[in-house]
Amino acid sequence: MSASQLSADDLAPGDGRAAPTGRIVLALTVHELRLAGRRGESLLATFIVPAAILLFFGGLGVLPTGTATAVDFVLPGTMALAVIAASLVALGIATGYERAYGVLKRLGGSPASRGMVVTAKTLATLVIEVVQAALLIVLASVVLGWRPGADARIAVVVAALVLGTAAFAGLGLLLAGTLRAEATLALTNGLFLASLLVGGIVVPVSRLPEPLTALARALPGAALADALRIGLGAIAADPTPPLLLLAGWAVLLVTAAASRFRWD
């Protein structure tokens, strides 16, 4: 997990000049992906838990999903949950402990800026989430017989994944870059549980008590799940409102993370 595992030439050529920004971000992104593959507990949260929820609730048909079938409703919800698990929980906790152990402080002495680190971590998380989404779609198709709806739009799914990743990665990095590692661990797990319960993941937001319904609709978790349901054709609706809400959260949280992130 050491920053020293990065090649010095990736961040600064031998002539003493800093490497181009794109090269630095790419090197950091690849480094983050390598580290993610070694964290067994993160792989459990990001891959196994969403898949288990999909297979369990998608196959039972006991959820109050309205007109949608169980798998049509649960698949987009578990895709949203996978984004939250990777972007908020796994990324936030790992970064918080990297900061506590001094790994990020060593990066602070390199040509990599805070913005570059935030960008690389977000890009690495997005790559992981593409694999997550593919796995969940394959499971839903092969095991549960899912097929995309007639109104499915891949562009909406891609936009939702990108904006959702940016929003939750921004939140995870904001917490990791400002709080103690133990506080980040507790808070990210608490937010993950809250998203599962009131984020429209397995229970429609409309079925929640009224005060919770209003709150959930303003938060990025429910917006992400709604946008994915529209994109996969589970419901027929305009994707613009949830995507705009996600975009607003993404800009706010990524900007806050990049500006307030502290190396130590």
C-alpha atoms as a PDB file:
ATOM      1  CA  MET A   1       0.000   0.000   0.000  1.00  0.00           C
ATOM      2  CA  SER A   2       3.073   2.186  -0.049  1.00  0.00           C
ATOM      3  CA  ALA A   3       3.347   5.174  -2.342  1.00  0.00           C
ATOM      4  CA  SER A   4       6.886   4.023  -3.035  1.00  0.00           C
ATOM      5  CA  GLN A   5       5.456   1.166  -5.117  1.00  0.00           C
ATOM      6  CA  LEU A   6       4.824   3.722  -7.831  1.00  0.00           C
ATOM      7  CA  SER A   7       7.640   4.104 -10.293  1.00  0.00           C
ATOM      8  CA  ALA A   8       9.470   7.373  -9.786  1.00  0.00           C
ATOM      9  CA  ASP A   9       9.530   7.834 -13.561  1.00  0.00           C
ATOM     10  CA  ASP A  10       5.733   7.758 -13.589  1.00  0.00           C
ATOM     11  CA  LEU A  11       5.555  10.945 -11.531  1.00  0.00           C
ATOM     12  CA  ALA A  12       8.786  12.701 -12.522  1.00  0.00           C
ATOM     13  CA  PRO A  13      11.143  11.952 -15.436  1.00  0.00           C
ATOM     14  CA  GLY A  14      14.832  11.651 -14.809  1.00  0.00           C
ATOM     15  CA  ASP A  15      15.506  15.256 -15.827  1.00  0.00           C
ATOM     16  CA  GLY A  16      13.773  16.509 -12.672  1.00  0.00           C
ATOM     17  CA  ARG A  17      10.673  17.887 -14.375  1.00  0.00           C
ATOM     18  CA  ALA A  18       7.215  16.717 -13.306  1.00  0.00           C
ATOM     19  CA  ALA A  19       5.578  14.242 -15.653  1.00  0.00           C
ATOM     20  CA  PRO A  20       2.547  15.444 -17.650  1.00  0.00           C
ATOM     21  CA  THR A  21      -0.682  15.529 -15.683  1.00  0.00           C
ATOM     22  CA  GLY A  22      -2.274  12.748 -17.738  1.00  0.00           C
ATOM     23  CA  ARG A  23       0.660  10.432 -17.149  1.00  0.00           C
ATOM     24  CA  ILE A  24       0.587  11.042 -13.404  1.00  0.00           C
ATOM     25  CA  VAL A  25      -3.166  10.432 -13.199  1.00  0.00           C
ATOM     26  CA  LEU A  26      -2.846   7.240 -15.268  1.00  0.00           C
ATOM     27  CA  ALA A  27      -0.018   5.918 -13.058  1.00  0.00           C
ATOM     28  CA  LEU A  28      -1.995   6.643  -9.910  1.00  0.00           C
ATOM     29  CA  THR A  29      -5.141   5.058 -11.382  1.00  0.00           C
ATOM     30  CA  VAL A  30      -3.334   1.822 -12.274  1.00  0.00           C
ATOM     31  CA  HIS A  31      -1.751   1.805  -8.814  1.00  0.00           C
ATOM     32  CA  GLU A  32      -5.173   2.162  -7.177  1.00  0.00           C
ATOM     33  CA  LEU A  33      -6.552  -0.750  -9.202  1.00  0.00           C
ATOM     34  CA  ARG A  34      -3.674  -2.969  -8.116  1.00  0.00           C
ATOM     35  CA  LEU A  35      -4.285  -2.132  -4.481  1.00  0.00           C
ATOM     36  CA  ALA A  36      -8.037  -2.689  -4.792  1.00  0.00           C
ATOM     37  CA  GLY A  37      -7.430  -6.219  -6.041  1.00  0.00           C
ATOM     38  CA  ARG A  38      -5.496  -7.037  -2.866  1.00  0.00           C
ATOM     39  CA  ARG A  39      -8.161  -5.898  -0.386  1.00  0.00           C
ATOM     40  CA  GLY A  40     -10.264  -8.959   0.324  1.00  0.00           C
ATOM     41  CA  GLU A  41     -12.690  -7.150   2.634  1.00  0.00           C
ATOM     42  CA  SER A  42     -13.333  -4.509  -0.029  1.00  0.00           C
ATOM     43  CA  LEU A  43     -13.981  -7.151  -2.668  1.00  0.00           C
ATOM     44  CA  LEU A  44     -16.561  -8.712  -0.344  1.00  0.00           C
ATOM     45  CA  ALA A  45     -18.406  -5.408   0.096  1.00  0.00           C
ATOM     46  CA  THR A  46     -18.187  -4.338  -3.522  1.00  0.00           C
ATOM     47  CA  PHE A  47     -18.936  -7.599  -5.332  1.00  0.00           C
ATOM     48  CA  ILE A  48     -20.395 -10.277  -3.043  1.00  0.00           C
ATOM     49  CA  VAL A  49     -22.892  -8.217  -1.014  1.00  0.00           C
ATOM     50  CA  PRO A  50     -24.685  -6.565  -3.991  1.00  0.00           C
ATOM     51  CA  ALA A  51     -24.766  -9.900  -5.861  1.00  0.00           C
ATOM     52  CA  ALA A  52     -26.221 -11.681  -2.826  1.00  0.00           C
ATOM     53  CA  ILE A  53     -28.913  -9.022  -2.400  1.00  0.00           C
ATOM     54  CA  LEU A  54     -29.781  -9.253  -6.097  1.00  0.00           C
ATOM     55  CA  LEU A  55     -30.154 -13.029  -6.057  1.00  0.00           C
ATOM     56  CA  PHE A  56     -32.057 -13.101  -2.759  1.00  0.00           C
ATOM     57  CA  PHE A  57     -34.573 -10.292  -3.283  1.00  0.00           C
ATOM     58  CA  GLY A  58     -34.711 -10.611  -7.062  1.00  0.00           C
ATOM     59  CA  GLY A  59     -35.705 -14.236  -6.812  1.00  0.00           C
ATOM     60  CA  LEU A  60     -38.223 -14.001  -3.970  1.00  0.00           C
ATOM     61  CA  GLY A  61     -40.677 -11.533  -5.434  1.00  0.00           C
ATOM     62  CA  VAL A  62     -41.813 -10.339  -1.993  1.00  0.00           C
ATOM     63  CA  LEU A  63     -40.883  -6.663  -2.313  1.00  0.00           C
ATOM     64  CA  PRO A  64     -43.529  -3.945  -2.787  1.00  0.00           C
ATOM     65  CA  THR A  65     -42.176  -2.958  -6.211  1.00  0.00           C
ATOM     66  CA  GLY A  66     -45.409  -1.695  -7.734  1.00  0.00           C
ATOM     67  CA  THR A  67     -45.787  -2.580 -11.409  1.00  0.00           C
ATOM     68  CA  ALA A  68     -42.173  -3.691 -11.890  1.00  0.00           C
ATOM     69  CA  THR A  69     -41.155  -7.312 -11.388  1.00  0.00           C
ATOM     70  CA  ALA A  70     -38.796  -8.063  -8.517  1.00  0.00           C
ATOM     71  CA  VAL A  71     -35.665  -8.441 -10.658  1.00  0.00           C
ATOM     72  CA  ASP A  72     -36.510  -5.365 -12.762  1.00  0.00           C
ATOM     73  CA  PHE A  73     -36.660  -3.303  -9.583  1.00  0.00           C
ATOM     74  CA  VAL A  74     -33.816  -4.909  -7.633  1.00  0.00           C
ATOM     75  CA  LEU A  75     -31.175  -5.064 -10.386  1.00  0.00           C
ATOM     76  CA  PRO A  76     -30.855  -1.266 -10.774  1.00  0.00           C
ATOM     77  CA  GLY A  77     -31.008  -0.932  -6.981  1.00  0.00           C
ATOM     78  CA  THR A  78     -28.143  -3.358  -6.441  1.00  0.00           C
ATOM     79  CA  MET A  79     -26.141  -1.628  -9.177  1.00  0.00           C
ATOM     80  CA  ALA A  80     -26.606   1.606  -7.224  1.00  0.00           C
ATOM     81  CA  LEU A  81     -25.624  -0.191  -4.019  1.00  0.00           C
ATOM     82  CA  ALA A  82     -22.479  -1.496  -5.729  1.00  0.00           C
ATOM     83  CA  VAL A  83     -21.539   2.069  -6.683  1.00  0.00           C
ATOM     84  CA  ILE A  84     -22.010   3.194  -3.086  1.00  0.00           C
ATOM     85  CA  ALA A  85     -20.019   0.229  -1.756  1.00  0.00           C
ATOM     86  CA  ALA A  86     -17.072   0.883  -4.075  1.00  0.00           C
ATOM     87  CA  SER A  87     -17.103   4.696  -4.157  1.00  0.00           C
ATOM     88  CA  LEU A  88     -18.059   5.562  -0.598  1.00  0.00           C
ATOM     89  CA  VAL A  89     -17.216   2.596   1.605  1.00  0.00           C
ATOM     90  CA  ALA A  90     -14.226   0.829   0.037  1.00  0.00           C
ATOM     91  CA  LEU A  91     -12.576   3.963  -1.341  1.00  0.00           C
ATOM     92  CA  GLY A  92     -13.284   6.099   1.699  1.00  0.00           C
ATOM     93  CA  ILE A  93     -12.017   3.555   4.233  1.00  0.00           C
ATOM     94  CA  ALA A  94      -8.899   2.624   2.250  1.00  0.00           C
ATOM     95  CA  THR A  95      -7.990   6.269   1.693  1.00  0.00           C
ATOM     96  CA  GLY A  96      -8.633   7.139   5.328  1.00  0.00           C
ATOM     97  CA  TYR A  97      -6.161   4.511   6.509  1.00  0.00           C
ATOM     98  CA  GLU A  98      -3.631   5.455   3.816  1.00  0.00           C
ATOM     99  CA  ARG A  99      -3.777   8.962   5.232  1.00  0.00           C
ATOM    100  CA  ALA A 100      -3.441   7.695   8.811  1.00  0.00           C
ATOM    101  CA  TYR A 101      -0.420   5.532   7.920  1.00  0.00           C
ATOM    102  CA  GLY A 102       1.364   8.393   6.163  1.00  0.00           C
ATOM    103  CA  VAL A 103       1.067   6.978   2.635  1.00  0.00           C
ATOM    104  CA  LEU A 104      -0.714  10.073   1.352  1.00  0.00           C
ATOM    105  CA  LYS A 105       1.782  12.374   3.050  1.00  0.00           C
ATOM    106  CA  ARG A 106       4.524  10.810   0.942  1.00  0.00           C
ATOM    107  CA  LEU A 107       2.407  11.365  -2.160  1.00  0.00           C
ATOM    108  CA  GLY A 108       2.092  15.007  -1.092  1.00  0.00           C
ATOM    109  CA  GLY A 109       5.820  15.382  -1.598  1.00  0.00           C
ATOM    110  CA  SER A 110       5.538  14.176  -5.201  1.00  0.00           C
ATOM    111  CA  PRO A 111       4.366  16.130  -8.274  1.00  0.00           C
ATOM    112  CA  ALA A 112       0.876  14.669  -7.751  1.00  0.00           C
ATOM    113  CA  SER A 113      -1.587  17.345  -6.628  1.00  0.00           C
ATOM    114  CA  ARG A 114      -4.665  16.787  -4.506  1.00  0.00           C
ATOM    115  CA  GLY A 115      -6.820  17.098  -7.603  1.00  0.00           C
ATOM    116  CA  MET A 116      -4.774  14.437  -9.402  1.00  0.00           C
ATOM    117  CA  VAL A 117      -5.080  12.015  -6.474  1.00  0.00           C
ATOM    118  CA  VAL A 118      -8.845  12.577  -6.222  1.00  0.00           C
ATOM    119  CA  THR A 119      -9.221  12.118 -10.004  1.00  0.00           C
ATOM    120  CA  ALA A 120      -7.139   8.921 -10.079  1.00  0.00           C
ATOM    121  CA  LYS A 121      -8.994   7.342  -7.183  1.00  0.00           C
ATOM    122  CA  THR A 122     -12.337   8.227  -8.782  1.00  0.00           C
ATOM    123  CA  LEU A 123     -11.289   6.793 -12.170  1.00  0.00           C
ATOM    124  CA  ALA A 124     -10.066   3.556 -10.573  1.00  0.00           C
ATOM    125  CA  THR A 125     -13.368   3.216  -8.752  1.00  0.00           C
ATOM    126  CA  LEU A 126     -15.266   3.766 -11.998  1.00  0.00           C
ATOM    127  CA  VAL A 127     -13.358   0.898 -13.632  1.00  0.00           C
ATOM    128  CA  ILE A 128     -14.282  -1.375 -10.711  1.00  0.00           C
ATOM    129  CA  GLU A 129     -17.919  -0.375 -11.032  1.00  0.00           C
ATOM    130  CA  VAL A 130     -18.040  -1.243 -14.728  1.00  0.00           C
ATOM    131  CA  VAL A 131     -16.995  -4.770 -13.743  1.00  0.00           C
ATOM    132  CA  GLN A 132     -19.590  -4.759 -10.936  1.00  0.00           C
ATOM    133  CA  ALA A 133     -22.381  -3.693 -13.296  1.00  0.00           C
ATOM    134  CA  ALA A 134     -21.426  -6.335 -15.848  1.00  0.00           C
ATOM    135  CA  LEU A 135     -21.397  -9.042 -13.162  1.00  0.00           C
ATOM    136  CA  LEU A 136     -24.806  -8.049 -11.809  1.00  0.00           C
ATOM    137  CA  ILE A 137     -26.358  -7.885 -15.279  1.00  0.00           C
ATOM    138  CA  VAL A 138     -24.978 -11.328 -16.165  1.00  0.00           C
ATOM    139  CA  LEU A 139     -26.283 -12.804 -12.889  1.00  0.00           C
ATOM    140  CA  ALA A 140     -29.709 -11.236 -13.394  1.00  0.00           C
ATOM    141  CA  SER A 141     -29.891 -12.477 -16.981  1.00  0.00           C
ATOM    142  CA  VAL A 142     -28.607 -16.011 -16.477  1.00  0.00           C
ATOM    143  CA  VAL A 143     -30.036 -16.850 -13.049  1.00  0.00           C
ATOM    144  CA  LEU A 144     -33.179 -14.712 -12.844  1.00  0.00           C
ATOM    145  CA  GLY A 145     -34.121 -14.426 -16.520  1.00  0.00           C
ATOM    146  CA  TRP A 146     -33.873 -10.621 -16.613  1.00  0.00           C
ATOM    147  CA  ARG A 147     -34.113  -8.760 -19.906  1.00  0.00           C
ATOM    148  CA  PRO A 148     -33.828  -4.994 -20.440  1.00  0.00           C
ATOM    149  CA  GLY A 149     -37.076  -3.145 -20.928  1.00  0.00           C
ATOM    150  CA  ALA A 150     -38.229  -1.879 -24.298  1.00  0.00           C
ATOM    151  CA  ASP A 151     -37.311   1.687 -23.311  1.00  0.00           C
ATOM    152  CA  ALA A 152     -33.789   0.819 -22.078  1.00  0.00           C
ATOM    153  CA  ARG A 153     -31.176   3.478 -22.857  1.00  0.00           C
ATOM    154  CA  ILE A 154     -27.519   2.609 -22.415  1.00  0.00           C
ATOM    155  CA  ALA A 155     -26.521   6.302 -22.458  1.00  0.00           C
ATOM    156  CA  VAL A 156     -28.634   6.932 -19.361  1.00  0.00           C
ATOM    157  CA  VAL A 157     -27.063   3.945 -17.572  1.00  0.00           C
ATOM    158  CA  VAL A 158     -23.548   5.171 -18.407  1.00  0.00           C
ATOM    159  CA  ALA A 159     -24.347   8.730 -17.318  1.00  0.00           C
ATOM    160  CA  ALA A 160     -25.849   7.475 -14.061  1.00  0.00           C
ATOM    161  CA  LEU A 161     -22.812   5.304 -13.274  1.00  0.00           C
ATOM    162  CA  VAL A 162     -20.348   8.104 -14.039  1.00  0.00           C
ATOM    163  CA  LEU A 163     -22.223  10.764 -12.073  1.00  0.00           C
ATOM    164  CA  GLY A 164     -23.008   8.394  -9.196  1.00  0.00           C
ATOM    165  CA  THR A 165     -19.379   7.352  -8.979  1.00  0.00           C
ATOM    166  CA  ALA A 166     -18.235  10.966  -8.930  1.00  0.00           C
ATOM    167  CA  ALA A 167     -20.750  11.911  -6.229  1.00  0.00           C
ATOM    168  CA  PHE A 168     -20.045   9.017  -3.852  1.00  0.00           C
ATOM    169  CA  ALA A 169     -16.295   8.985  -4.503  1.00  0.00           C
ATOM    170  CA  GLY A 170     -16.271  12.689  -3.744  1.00  0.00           C
ATOM    171  CA  LEU A 171     -18.094  12.027  -0.475  1.00  0.00           C
ATOM    172  CA  GLY A 172     -15.817   9.125   0.464  1.00  0.00           C
ATOM    173  CA  LEU A 173     -12.671  11.143  -0.266  1.00  0.00           C
ATOM    174  CA  LEU A 174     -14.048  14.179   1.540  1.00  0.00           C
ATOM    175  CA  LEU A 175     -14.569  12.097   4.681  1.00  0.00           C
ATOM    176  CA  ALA A 176     -11.235  10.302   4.312  1.00  0.00           C
ATOM    177  CA  GLY A 177      -9.352  13.545   3.741  1.00  0.00           C
ATOM    178  CA  THR A 178     -10.785  15.430   6.704  1.00  0.00           C
ATOM    179  CA  LEU A 179     -11.667  12.900   9.439  1.00  0.00           C
ATOM    180  CA  ARG A 180      -9.738  10.323  11.428  1.00  0.00           C
ATOM    181  CA  ALA A 181      -9.613   6.871   9.824  1.00  0.00           C
ATOM    182  CA  GLU A 182     -11.788   5.345  12.566  1.00  0.00           C
ATOM    183  CA  ALA A 183     -14.431   8.028  12.096  1.00  0.00           C
ATOM    184  CA  THR A 184     -14.380   7.496   8.327  1.00  0.00           C
ATOM    185  CA  LEU A 185     -14.808   3.739   8.848  1.00  0.00           C
ATOM    186  CA  ALA A 186     -17.838   4.210  11.094  1.00  0.00           C
ATOM    187  CA  LEU A 187     -19.478   6.951   9.054  1.00  0.00           C
ATOM    188  CA  THR A 188     -19.100   5.321   5.643  1.00  0.00           C
ATOM    189  CA  ASN A 189     -20.556   2.057   6.916  1.00  0.00           C
ATOM    190  CA  GLY A 190     -23.414   3.959   8.549  1.00  0.00           C
ATOM    191  CA  LEU A 191     -24.158   5.814   5.308  1.00  0.00           C
ATOM    192  CA  PHE A 192     -24.019   2.522   3.380  1.00  0.00           C
ATOM    193  CA  LEU A 193     -26.623   1.002   5.687  1.00  0.00           C
ATOM    194  CA  ALA A 194     -28.788   4.120   5.477  1.00  0.00           C
ATOM    195  CA  SER A 195     -28.638   4.001   1.679  1.00  0.00           C
ATOM    196  CA  LEU A 196     -29.684   0.343   1.710  1.00  0.00           C
ATOM    197  CA  LEU A 197     -32.676   1.098   3.942  1.00  0.00           C
ATOM    198  CA  VAL A 198     -33.959   4.422   2.589  1.00  0.00           C
ATOM    199  CA  GLY A 199     -32.168   4.899  -0.736  1.00  0.00           C
ATOM    200  CA  GLY A 200     -34.697   3.113  -2.925  1.00  0.00           C
ATOM    201  CA  ILE A 201     -32.382   0.114  -3.266  1.00  0.00           C
ATOM    202  CA  VAL A 202     -34.766  -2.698  -2.320  1.00  0.00           C
ATOM    203  CA  VAL A 203     -37.805  -0.747  -1.082  1.00  0.00           C
ATOM    204  CA  PRO A 204     -39.403   1.976  -3.237  1.00  0.00           C
ATOM    205  CA  VAL A 205     -38.910   5.470  -1.834  1.00  0.00           C
ATOM    206  CA  SER A 206     -42.661   6.043  -2.218  1.00  0.00           C
ATOM    207  CA  ARG A 207     -43.314   3.311   0.383  1.00  0.00           C
ATOM    208  CA  LEU A 208     -41.290   5.115   3.091  1.00  0.00           C
ATOM    209  CA  PRO A 209     -42.886   7.371   5.722  1.00  0.00           C
ATOM    210  CA  GLU A 210     -43.457  10.862   4.334  1.00  0.00           C
ATOM    211  CA  PRO A 211     -40.559  12.680   6.101  1.00  0.00           C
ATOM    212  CA  LEU A 212     -38.137   9.976   4.935  1.00  0.00           C
ATOM    213  CA  THR A 213     -39.568  10.052   1.416  1.00  0.00           C
ATOM    214  CA  ALA A 214     -38.863  13.761   1.036  1.00  0.00           C
ATOM    215  CA  LEU A 215     -35.340  13.354   2.422  1.00  0.00           C
ATOM    216  CA  ALA A 216     -34.525  10.316   0.276  1.00  0.00           C
ATOM    217  CA  ARG A 217     -35.617  12.026  -2.927  1.00  0.00           C
ATOM    218  CA  ALA A 218     -33.112  14.821  -2.299  1.00  0.00           C
ATOM    219  CA  LEU A 219     -30.160  12.467  -1.758  1.00  0.00           C
ATOM    220  CA  PRO A 220     -27.888  10.982  -4.448  1.00  0.00           C
ATOM    221  CA  GLY A 221     -28.602   7.325  -3.596  1.00  0.00           C
ATOM    222  CA  ALA A 222     -32.249   7.393  -4.643  1.00  0.00           C
ATOM    223  CA  ALA A 223     -31.442   9.570  -7.672  1.00  0.00           C
ATOM    224  CA  LEU A 224     -28.847   7.021  -8.802  1.00  0.00           C
ATOM    225  CA  ALA A 225     -31.252   4.085  -8.370  1.00  0.00           C
ATOM    226  CA  ASP A 226     -34.027   5.948 -10.218  1.00  0.00           C
ATOM    227  CA  ALA A 227     -31.735   6.894 -13.113  1.00  0.00           C
ATOM    228  CA  LEU A 228     -30.565   3.290 -13.461  1.00  0.00           C
ATOM    229  CA  ARG A 229     -34.155   1.999 -13.428  1.00  0.00           C
ATOM    230  CA  ILE A 230     -35.049   4.432 -16.198  1.00  0.00           C
ATOM    231  CA  GLY A 231     -31.904   3.544 -18.150  1.00  0.00           C
ATOM    232  CA  LEU A 232     -32.565  -0.206 -17.895  1.00  0.00           C
ATOM    233  CA  GLY A 233     -36.189   0.222 -18.916  1.00  0.00           C
ATOM    234  CA  ALA A 234     -37.717  -0.848 -15.589  1.00  0.00           C
ATOM    235  CA  ILE A 235     -39.801   2.339 -15.457  1.00  0.00           C
ATOM    236  CA  ALA A 236     -40.835   4.834 -18.128  1.00  0.00           C
ATOM    237  CA  ALA A 237     -39.871   8.322 -17.025  1.00  0.00           C
ATOM    238  CA  ASP A 238     -37.723  11.315 -17.903  1.00  0.00           C
ATOM    239  CA  PRO A 239     -34.148  10.653 -16.707  1.00  0.00           C
ATOM    240  CA  THR A 240     -33.265  14.344 -16.638  1.00  0.00           C
ATOM    241  CA  PRO A 241     -34.333  15.132 -13.029  1.00  0.00           C
ATOM    242  CA  PRO A 242     -32.375  12.308 -11.322  1.00  0.00           C
ATOM    243  CA  LEU A 243     -29.346  12.870 -13.563  1.00  0.00           C
ATOM    244  CA  LEU A 244     -29.340  16.606 -12.840  1.00  0.00           C
ATOM    245  CA  LEU A 245     -29.585  15.911  -9.115  1.00  0.00           C
ATOM    246  CA  LEU A 246     -26.682  13.462  -9.366  1.00  0.00           C
ATOM    247  CA  ALA A 247     -24.645  15.974 -11.364  1.00  0.00           C
ATOM    248  CA  GLY A 248     -25.223  18.636  -8.715  1.00  0.00           C
ATOM    249  CA  TRP A 249     -24.091  16.308  -5.932  1.00  0.00           C
ATOM    250  CA  ALA A 250     -21.086  15.194  -8.006  1.00  0.00           C
ATOM    251  CA  VAL A 251     -19.863  18.749  -8.634  1.00  0.00           C
ATOM    252  CA  LEU A 252     -20.391  19.733  -5.005  1.00  0.00           C
ATOM    253  CA  LEU A 253     -18.714  16.699  -3.427  1.00  0.00           C
ATOM    254  CA  VAL A 254     -15.793  16.326  -5.845  1.00  0.00           C
ATOM    255  CA  THR A 255     -15.010  20.043  -5.519  1.00  0.00           C
ATOM    256  CA  ALA A 256     -15.176  19.810  -1.736  1.00  0.00           C
ATOM    257  CA  ALA A 257     -12.955  16.717  -1.691  1.00  0.00           C
ATOM    258  CA  ALA A 258     -10.338  18.256  -3.975  1.00  0.00           C
ATOM    259  CA  SER A 259     -10.217  21.528  -2.037  1.00  0.00           C
ATOM    260  CA  ARG A 260     -10.408  20.219   1.546  1.00  0.00           C
ATOM    261  CA  PHE A 261      -8.460  16.973   1.229  1.00  0.00           C
ATOM    262  CA  ARG A 262      -5.490  16.967   3.626  1.00  0.00           C
ATOM    263  CA  TRP A 263      -2.457  14.737   3.185  1.00  0.00           C
ATOM    264  CA  ASP A 264      -2.112  14.104   6.934  1.00  0.00           C
END
